[in-house]
Amino acid sequence: MEENKNNASESKRDRFIRIAEARTIKIIDMLRLLGNCSSKSTYDYTEEDVKKIFSTIEKELKVAKNKFTETEEKEDKFSLR
């Protein structure tokens, strides 16, 4: 399937699966690496640091998820009617 990556005959579904799987795996790997920073014997961090990290990750996760669930119209349209 490696040769199919740049093939114009690759369906939109197949392209989505290929790219989404690869990106999801990267995100999971990075989260696991971040978890390694929790070692108090190796790192010094505060509860505020942890809150900042995870609130930012959660915010970005929500933004990404909303892109999949929102309708085409992203903003309310202005109208005088």
PDB file of N, CA and C in Angstrom:
ATOM      1  N   MET A   1       0.842  -1.206   0.000  1.00  0.00           N
ATOM      2  CA  MET A   1       0.000   0.000   0.000  1.00  0.00           C
ATOM      3  C   MET A   1       0.870   1.248   0.000  1.00  0.00           C
ATOM      4  N   GLU A   2       2.162   1.099   0.308  1.00  0.00           N
ATOM      5  CA  GLU A   2       3.076   2.229   0.344  1.00  0.00           C
ATOM      6  C   GLU A   2       3.111   2.970  -0.982  1.00  0.00           C
ATOM      7  N   GLU A   3       3.073   2.232  -2.097  1.00  0.00           N
ATOM      8  CA  GLU A   3       3.120   2.869  -3.417  1.00  0.00           C
ATOM      9  C   GLU A   3       1.844   3.632  -3.730  1.00  0.00           C
ATOM     10  N   ASN A   4       0.784   3.387  -2.987  1.00  0.00           N
ATOM     11  CA  ASN A   4      -0.511   4.008  -3.232  1.00  0.00           C
ATOM     12  C   ASN A   4      -0.603   5.416  -2.636  1.00  0.00           C
ATOM     13  N   LYS A   5       0.398   5.833  -1.852  1.00  0.00           N
ATOM     14  CA  LYS A   5       0.343   7.116  -1.141  1.00  0.00           C
ATOM     15  C   LYS A   5       0.120   8.293  -2.065  1.00  0.00           C
ATOM     16  N   ASN A   6       0.834   8.364  -3.153  1.00  0.00           N
ATOM     17  CA  ASN A   6       0.725   9.505  -4.050  1.00  0.00           C
ATOM     18  C   ASN A   6      -0.076   9.185  -5.307  1.00  0.00           C
ATOM     19  N   ASN A   7      -0.731   8.072  -5.305  1.00  0.00           N
ATOM     20  CA  ASN A   7      -1.494   7.640  -6.464  1.00  0.00           C
ATOM     21  C   ASN A   7      -2.801   8.427  -6.545  1.00  0.00           C
ATOM     22  N   ALA A   8      -3.075   8.971  -7.719  1.00  0.00           N
ATOM     23  CA  ALA A   8      -4.293   9.767  -7.910  1.00  0.00           C
ATOM     24  C   ALA A   8      -5.547   8.920  -7.765  1.00  0.00           C
ATOM     25  N   SER A   9      -5.412   7.600  -7.878  1.00  0.00           N
ATOM     26  CA  SER A   9      -6.590   6.741  -7.770  1.00  0.00           C
ATOM     27  C   SER A   9      -6.965   6.436  -6.315  1.00  0.00           C
ATOM     28  N   GLU A  10      -6.167   6.917  -5.371  1.00  0.00           N
ATOM     29  CA  GLU A  10      -6.496   6.712  -3.965  1.00  0.00           C
ATOM     30  C   GLU A  10      -7.790   7.457  -3.649  1.00  0.00           C
ATOM     31  N   SER A  11      -8.748   6.749  -3.052  1.00  0.00           N
ATOM     32  CA  SER A  11     -10.024   7.382  -2.746  1.00  0.00           C
ATOM     33  C   SER A  11      -9.865   8.370  -1.591  1.00  0.00           C
ATOM     34  N   LYS A  12     -10.814   9.276  -1.483  1.00  0.00           N
ATOM     35  CA  LYS A  12     -10.805  10.244  -0.393  1.00  0.00           C
ATOM     36  C   LYS A  12     -10.875   9.524   0.951  1.00  0.00           C
ATOM     37  N   ARG A  13     -11.632   8.440   1.011  1.00  0.00           N
ATOM     38  CA  ARG A  13     -11.755   7.651   2.236  1.00  0.00           C
ATOM     39  C   ARG A  13     -10.413   7.008   2.602  1.00  0.00           C
ATOM     40  N   ASP A  14      -9.779   6.388   1.608  1.00  0.00           N
ATOM     41  CA  ASP A  14      -8.486   5.748   1.858  1.00  0.00           C
ATOM     42  C   ASP A  14      -7.443   6.771   2.293  1.00  0.00           C
ATOM     43  N   ARG A  15      -7.457   7.937   1.663  1.00  0.00           N
ATOM     44  CA  ARG A  15      -6.514   9.005   2.028  1.00  0.00           C
ATOM     45  C   ARG A  15      -6.767   9.463   3.464  1.00  0.00           C
ATOM     46  N   PHE A  16      -8.058   9.637   3.816  1.00  0.00           N
ATOM     47  CA  PHE A  16      -8.402  10.032   5.186  1.00  0.00           C
ATOM     48  C   PHE A  16      -7.889   9.002   6.186  1.00  0.00           C
ATOM     49  N   ILE A  17      -8.155   7.737   5.922  1.00  0.00           N
ATOM     50  CA  ILE A  17      -7.735   6.677   6.843  1.00  0.00           C
ATOM     51  C   ILE A  17      -6.219   6.690   7.002  1.00  0.00           C
ATOM     52  N   ARG A  18      -5.498   6.776   5.906  1.00  0.00           N
ATOM     53  CA  ARG A  18      -4.038   6.764   5.947  1.00  0.00           C
ATOM     54  C   ARG A  18      -3.498   7.943   6.767  1.00  0.00           C
ATOM     55  N   ILE A  19      -3.990   9.126   6.474  1.00  0.00           N
ATOM     56  CA  ILE A  19      -3.477  10.319   7.134  1.00  0.00           C
ATOM     57  C   ILE A  19      -3.961  10.419   8.580  1.00  0.00           C
ATOM     58  N   ALA A  20      -5.240  10.180   8.819  1.00  0.00           N
ATOM     59  CA  ALA A  20      -5.791  10.288  10.180  1.00  0.00           C
ATOM     60  C   ALA A  20      -5.154   9.269  11.122  1.00  0.00           C
ATOM     61  N   GLU A  21      -4.934   8.045  10.644  1.00  0.00           N
ATOM     62  CA  GLU A  21      -4.281   7.039  11.489  1.00  0.00           C
ATOM     63  C   GLU A  21      -2.866   7.463  11.851  1.00  0.00           C
ATOM     64  N   ALA A  22      -2.109   7.926  10.872  1.00  0.00           N
ATOM     65  CA  ALA A  22      -0.723   8.334  11.125  1.00  0.00           C
ATOM     66  C   ALA A  22      -0.669   9.498  12.106  1.00  0.00           C
ATOM     67  N   ARG A  23      -1.538  10.482  11.917  1.00  0.00           N
ATOM     68  CA  ARG A  23      -1.535  11.651  12.802  1.00  0.00           C
ATOM     69  C   ARG A  23      -2.004  11.291  14.209  1.00  0.00           C
ATOM     70  N   THR A  24      -2.987  10.398  14.320  1.00  0.00           N
ATOM     71  CA  THR A  24      -3.477   9.964  15.630  1.00  0.00           C
ATOM     72  C   THR A  24      -2.378   9.230  16.385  1.00  0.00           C
ATOM     73  N   ILE A  25      -1.662   8.367  15.690  1.00  0.00           N
ATOM     74  CA  ILE A  25      -0.560   7.637  16.312  1.00  0.00           C
ATOM     75  C   ILE A  25       0.504   8.612  16.819  1.00  0.00           C
ATOM     76  N   LYS A  26       0.815   9.644  16.030  1.00  0.00           N
ATOM     77  CA  LYS A  26       1.799  10.645  16.460  1.00  0.00           C
ATOM     78  C   LYS A  26       1.336  11.369  17.715  1.00  0.00           C
ATOM     79  N   ILE A  27       0.048  11.741  17.754  1.00  0.00           N
ATOM     80  CA  ILE A  27      -0.494  12.444  18.918  1.00  0.00           C
ATOM     81  C   ILE A  27      -0.423  11.562  20.160  1.00  0.00           C
ATOM     82  N   ILE A  28      -0.803  10.303  20.025  1.00  0.00           N
ATOM     83  CA  ILE A  28      -0.753   9.371  21.154  1.00  0.00           C
ATOM     84  C   ILE A  28       0.683   9.217  21.639  1.00  0.00           C
ATOM     85  N   ASP A  29       1.616   9.069  20.710  1.00  0.00           N
ATOM     86  CA  ASP A  29       3.037   8.956  21.086  1.00  0.00           C
ATOM     87  C   ASP A  29       3.510  10.192  21.843  1.00  0.00           C
ATOM     88  N   MET A  30       3.121  11.383  21.373  1.00  0.00           N
ATOM     89  CA  MET A  30       3.531  12.618  22.030  1.00  0.00           C
ATOM     90  C   MET A  30       2.908  12.735  23.424  1.00  0.00           C
ATOM     91  N   LEU A  31       1.653  12.320  23.576  1.00  0.00           N
ATOM     92  CA  LEU A  31       1.019  12.352  24.892  1.00  0.00           C
ATOM     93  C   LEU A  31       1.731  11.412  25.858  1.00  0.00           C
ATOM     94  N   ARG A  32       2.137  10.260  25.364  1.00  0.00           N
ATOM     95  CA  ARG A  32       2.878   9.325  26.213  1.00  0.00           C
ATOM     96  C   ARG A  32       4.225   9.916  26.619  1.00  0.00           C
ATOM     97  N   LEU A  33       4.882  10.589  25.689  1.00  0.00           N
ATOM     98  CA  LEU A  33       6.150  11.248  26.015  1.00  0.00           C
ATOM     99  C   LEU A  33       5.939  12.362  27.035  1.00  0.00           C
ATOM    100  N   LEU A  34       4.859  13.119  26.879  1.00  0.00           N
ATOM    101  CA  LEU A  34       4.544  14.164  27.848  1.00  0.00           C
ATOM    102  C   LEU A  34       4.344  13.547  29.229  1.00  0.00           C
ATOM    103  N   GLY A  35       3.668  12.425  29.272  1.00  0.00           N
ATOM    104  CA  GLY A  35       3.453  11.732  30.541  1.00  0.00           C
ATOM    105  C   GLY A  35       4.753  11.367  31.236  1.00  0.00           C
ATOM    106  N   ASN A  36       5.793  11.134  30.445  1.00  0.00           N
ATOM    107  CA  ASN A  36       7.100  10.837  31.022  1.00  0.00           C
ATOM    108  C   ASN A  36       7.649  12.013  31.822  1.00  0.00           C
ATOM    109  N   CYS A  37       7.182  13.206  31.542  1.00  0.00           N
ATOM    110  CA  CYS A  37       7.633  14.402  32.274  1.00  0.00           C
ATOM    111  C   CYS A  37       7.064  14.455  33.687  1.00  0.00           C
ATOM    112  N   SER A  38       6.218  13.524  34.050  1.00  0.00           N
ATOM    113  CA  SER A  38       5.585  13.539  35.360  1.00  0.00           C
ATOM    114  C   SER A  38       6.498  13.036  36.471  1.00  0.00           C
ATOM    115  N   SER A  39       7.652  12.515  36.112  1.00  0.00           N
ATOM    116  CA  SER A  39       8.581  11.984  37.102  1.00  0.00           C
ATOM    117  C   SER A  39       9.159  13.108  37.965  1.00  0.00           C
ATOM    118  N   LYS A  40       8.735  13.155  39.220  1.00  0.00           N
ATOM    119  CA  LYS A  40       9.198  14.193  40.155  1.00  0.00           C
ATOM    120  C   LYS A  40      10.692  14.026  40.481  1.00  0.00           C
ATOM    121  N   SER A  41      11.226  12.820  40.303  1.00  0.00           N
ATOM    122  CA  SER A  41      12.649  12.628  40.584  1.00  0.00           C
ATOM    123  C   SER A  41      13.525  13.205  39.469  1.00  0.00           C
ATOM    124  N   THR A  42      12.921  13.454  38.294  1.00  0.00           N
ATOM    125  CA  THR A  42      13.670  13.984  37.158  1.00  0.00           C
ATOM    126  C   THR A  42      13.324  15.432  36.849  1.00  0.00           C
ATOM    127  N   TYR A  43      12.075  15.816  37.115  1.00  0.00           N
ATOM    128  CA  TYR A  43      11.588  17.145  36.730  1.00  0.00           C
ATOM    129  C   TYR A  43      10.980  17.877  37.918  1.00  0.00           C
ATOM    130  N   ASP A  44      11.006  19.199  37.819  1.00  0.00           N
ATOM    131  CA  ASP A  44      10.390  20.046  38.843  1.00  0.00           C
ATOM    132  C   ASP A  44       9.293  20.860  38.175  1.00  0.00           C
ATOM    133  N   TYR A  45       8.066  20.680  38.611  1.00  0.00           N
ATOM    134  CA  TYR A  45       6.925  21.395  38.031  1.00  0.00           C
ATOM    135  C   TYR A  45       5.894  21.660  39.109  1.00  0.00           C
ATOM    136  N   THR A  46       5.031  22.633  38.814  1.00  0.00           N
ATOM    137  CA  THR A  46       3.982  22.990  39.766  1.00  0.00           C
ATOM    138  C   THR A  46       2.632  22.478  39.263  1.00  0.00           C
ATOM    139  N   GLU A  47       1.687  22.513  40.154  1.00  0.00           N
ATOM    140  CA  GLU A  47       0.309  22.151  39.777  1.00  0.00           C
ATOM    141  C   GLU A  47      -0.208  23.124  38.723  1.00  0.00           C
ATOM    142  N   GLU A  48       0.207  24.379  38.829  1.00  0.00           N
ATOM    143  CA  GLU A  48      -0.188  25.394  37.837  1.00  0.00           C
ATOM    144  C   GLU A  48       0.365  25.035  36.455  1.00  0.00           C
ATOM    145  N   ASP A  49       1.598  24.547  36.396  1.00  0.00           N
ATOM    146  CA  ASP A  49       2.180  24.100  35.125  1.00  0.00           C
ATOM    147  C   ASP A  49       1.319  23.000  34.503  1.00  0.00           C
ATOM    148  N   VAL A  50       0.955  22.039  35.327  1.00  0.00           N
ATOM    149  CA  VAL A  50       0.152  20.902  34.855  1.00  0.00           C
ATOM    150  C   VAL A  50      -1.212  21.380  34.362  1.00  0.00           C
ATOM    151  N   LYS A  51      -1.846  22.282  35.109  1.00  0.00           N
ATOM    152  CA  LYS A  51      -3.142  22.823  34.696  1.00  0.00           C
ATOM    153  C   LYS A  51      -3.041  23.544  33.361  1.00  0.00           C
ATOM    154  N   LYS A  52      -1.980  24.346  33.182  1.00  0.00           N
ATOM    155  CA  LYS A  52      -1.778  25.076  31.927  1.00  0.00           C
ATOM    156  C   LYS A  52      -1.608  24.120  30.750  1.00  0.00           C
ATOM    157  N   ILE A  53      -0.775  23.117  30.942  1.00  0.00           N
ATOM    158  CA  ILE A  53      -0.516  22.142  29.869  1.00  0.00           C
ATOM    159  C   ILE A  53      -1.816  21.475  29.440  1.00  0.00           C
ATOM    160  N   PHE A  54      -2.539  20.927  30.417  1.00  0.00           N
ATOM    161  CA  PHE A  54      -3.710  20.132  30.065  1.00  0.00           C
ATOM    162  C   PHE A  54      -4.915  20.972  29.672  1.00  0.00           C
ATOM    163  N   SER A  55      -5.028  22.182  30.183  1.00  0.00           N
ATOM    164  CA  SER A  55      -6.134  23.029  29.721  1.00  0.00           C
ATOM    165  C   SER A  55      -5.897  23.434  28.261  1.00  0.00           C
ATOM    166  N   THR A  56      -4.653  23.669  27.899  1.00  0.00           N
ATOM    167  CA  THR A  56      -4.343  24.006  26.508  1.00  0.00           C
ATOM    168  C   THR A  56      -4.587  22.818  25.589  1.00  0.00           C
ATOM    169  N   ILE A  57      -4.149  21.643  26.001  1.00  0.00           N
ATOM    170  CA  ILE A  57      -4.379  20.440  25.194  1.00  0.00           C
ATOM    171  C   ILE A  57      -5.874  20.181  25.045  1.00  0.00           C
ATOM    172  N   GLU A  58      -6.622  20.299  26.135  1.00  0.00           N
ATOM    173  CA  GLU A  58      -8.066  20.063  26.084  1.00  0.00           C
ATOM    174  C   GLU A  58      -8.764  21.073  25.181  1.00  0.00           C
ATOM    175  N   LYS A  59      -8.319  22.324  25.222  1.00  0.00           N
ATOM    176  CA  LYS A  59      -8.902  23.358  24.360  1.00  0.00           C
ATOM    177  C   LYS A  59      -8.666  23.022  22.883  1.00  0.00           C
ATOM    178  N   GLU A  60      -7.442  22.673  22.553  1.00  0.00           N
ATOM    179  CA  GLU A  60      -7.116  22.341  21.161  1.00  0.00           C
ATOM    180  C   GLU A  60      -7.823  21.071  20.706  1.00  0.00           C
ATOM    181  N   LEU A  61      -7.993  20.117  21.603  1.00  0.00           N
ATOM    182  CA  LEU A  61      -8.732  18.899  21.284  1.00  0.00           C
ATOM    183  C   LEU A  61     -10.188  19.229  20.965  1.00  0.00           C
ATOM    184  N   LYS A  62     -10.770  20.129  21.745  1.00  0.00           N
ATOM    185  CA  LYS A  62     -12.159  20.548  21.513  1.00  0.00           C
ATOM    186  C   LYS A  62     -12.294  21.258  20.165  1.00  0.00           C
ATOM    187  N   VAL A  63     -11.332  22.125  19.841  1.00  0.00           N
ATOM    188  CA  VAL A  63     -11.351  22.834  18.560  1.00  0.00           C
ATOM    189  C   VAL A  63     -11.293  21.834  17.407  1.00  0.00           C
ATOM    190  N   ALA A  64     -10.379  20.873  17.501  1.00  0.00           N
ATOM    191  CA  ALA A  64     -10.239  19.867  16.438  1.00  0.00           C
ATOM    192  C   ALA A  64     -11.503  19.017  16.316  1.00  0.00           C
ATOM    193  N   LYS A  65     -12.061  18.599  17.448  1.00  0.00           N
ATOM    194  CA  LYS A  65     -13.271  17.768  17.430  1.00  0.00           C
ATOM    195  C   LYS A  65     -14.446  18.526  16.829  1.00  0.00           C
ATOM    196  N   ASN A  66     -14.560  19.809  17.167  1.00  0.00           N
ATOM    197  CA  ASN A  66     -15.653  20.618  16.634  1.00  0.00           C
ATOM    198  C   ASN A  66     -15.583  20.741  15.119  1.00  0.00           C
ATOM    199  N   LYS A  67     -14.393  20.718  14.559  1.00  0.00           N
ATOM    200  CA  LYS A  67     -14.255  20.779  13.101  1.00  0.00           C
ATOM    201  C   LYS A  67     -14.913  19.578  12.438  1.00  0.00           C
ATOM    202  N   PHE A  68     -14.972  18.450  13.139  1.00  0.00           N
ATOM    203  CA  PHE A  68     -15.601  17.251  12.601  1.00  0.00           C
ATOM    204  C   PHE A  68     -17.107  17.231  12.834  1.00  0.00           C
ATOM    205  N   THR A  69     -17.591  17.968  13.828  1.00  0.00           N
ATOM    206  CA  THR A  69     -19.003  17.863  14.192  1.00  0.00           C
ATOM    207  C   THR A  69     -19.844  19.074  13.826  1.00  0.00           C
ATOM    208  N   GLU A  70     -19.195  20.200  13.540  1.00  0.00           N
ATOM    209  CA  GLU A  70     -19.959  21.399  13.207  1.00  0.00           C
ATOM    210  C   GLU A  70     -20.515  21.312  11.794  1.00  0.00           C
ATOM    211  N   THR A  71     -21.572  22.059  11.557  1.00  0.00           N
ATOM    212  CA  THR A  71     -22.115  22.156  10.217  1.00  0.00           C
ATOM    213  C   THR A  71     -21.231  23.061   9.383  1.00  0.00           C
ATOM    214  N   GLU A  72     -21.498  23.131   8.113  1.00  0.00           N
ATOM    215  CA  GLU A  72     -20.685  23.943   7.204  1.00  0.00           C
ATOM    216  C   GLU A  72     -20.610  25.405   7.627  1.00  0.00           C
ATOM    217  N   GLU A  73     -21.705  25.957   8.103  1.00  0.00           N
ATOM    218  CA  GLU A  73     -21.741  27.360   8.506  1.00  0.00           C
ATOM    219  C   GLU A  73     -21.081  27.489   9.867  1.00  0.00           C
ATOM    220  N   LYS A  74     -19.887  28.028   9.896  1.00  0.00           N
ATOM    221  CA  LYS A  74     -19.093  28.104  11.111  1.00  0.00           C
ATOM    222  C   LYS A  74     -19.490  29.262  12.017  1.00  0.00           C
ATOM    223  N   GLU A  75     -19.953  30.367  11.425  1.00  0.00           N
ATOM    224  CA  GLU A  75     -20.312  31.545  12.202  1.00  0.00           C
ATOM    225  C   GLU A  75     -21.724  31.990  11.839  1.00  0.00           C
ATOM    226  N   ASP A  76     -22.355  32.716  12.762  1.00  0.00           N
ATOM    227  CA  ASP A  76     -23.639  33.306  12.443  1.00  0.00           C
ATOM    228  C   ASP A  76     -23.417  34.386  11.390  1.00  0.00           C
ATOM    229  N   LYS A  77     -24.257  34.382  10.394  1.00  0.00           N
ATOM    230  CA  LYS A  77     -24.149  35.392   9.332  1.00  0.00           C
ATOM    231  C   LYS A  77     -24.872  36.662   9.776  1.00  0.00           C
ATOM    232  N   PHE A  78     -24.315  37.791   9.445  1.00  0.00           N
ATOM    233  CA  PHE A  78     -24.929  39.073   9.751  1.00  0.00           C
ATOM    234  C   PHE A  78     -26.088  39.317   8.795  1.00  0.00           C
ATOM    235  N   SER A  79     -27.187  39.803   9.339  1.00  0.00           N
ATOM    236  CA  SER A  79     -28.327  40.137   8.509  1.00  0.00           C
ATOM    237  C   SER A  79     -29.150  41.209   9.211  1.00  0.00           C
ATOM    238  N   LEU A  80     -29.726  42.101   8.432  1.00  0.00           N
ATOM    239  CA  LEU A  80     -30.634  43.116   8.992  1.00  0.00           C
ATOM    240  C   LEU A  80     -32.079  42.667   8.900  1.00  0.00           C
ATOM    241  N   ARG A  81     -32.342  41.519   8.388  1.00  0.00           N
ATOM    242  CA  ARG A  81     -33.719  41.020   8.252  1.00  0.00           C
ATOM    243  C   ARG A  81     -34.141  40.236   9.459  1.00  0.00           C
TER     244      ARG A  81
END
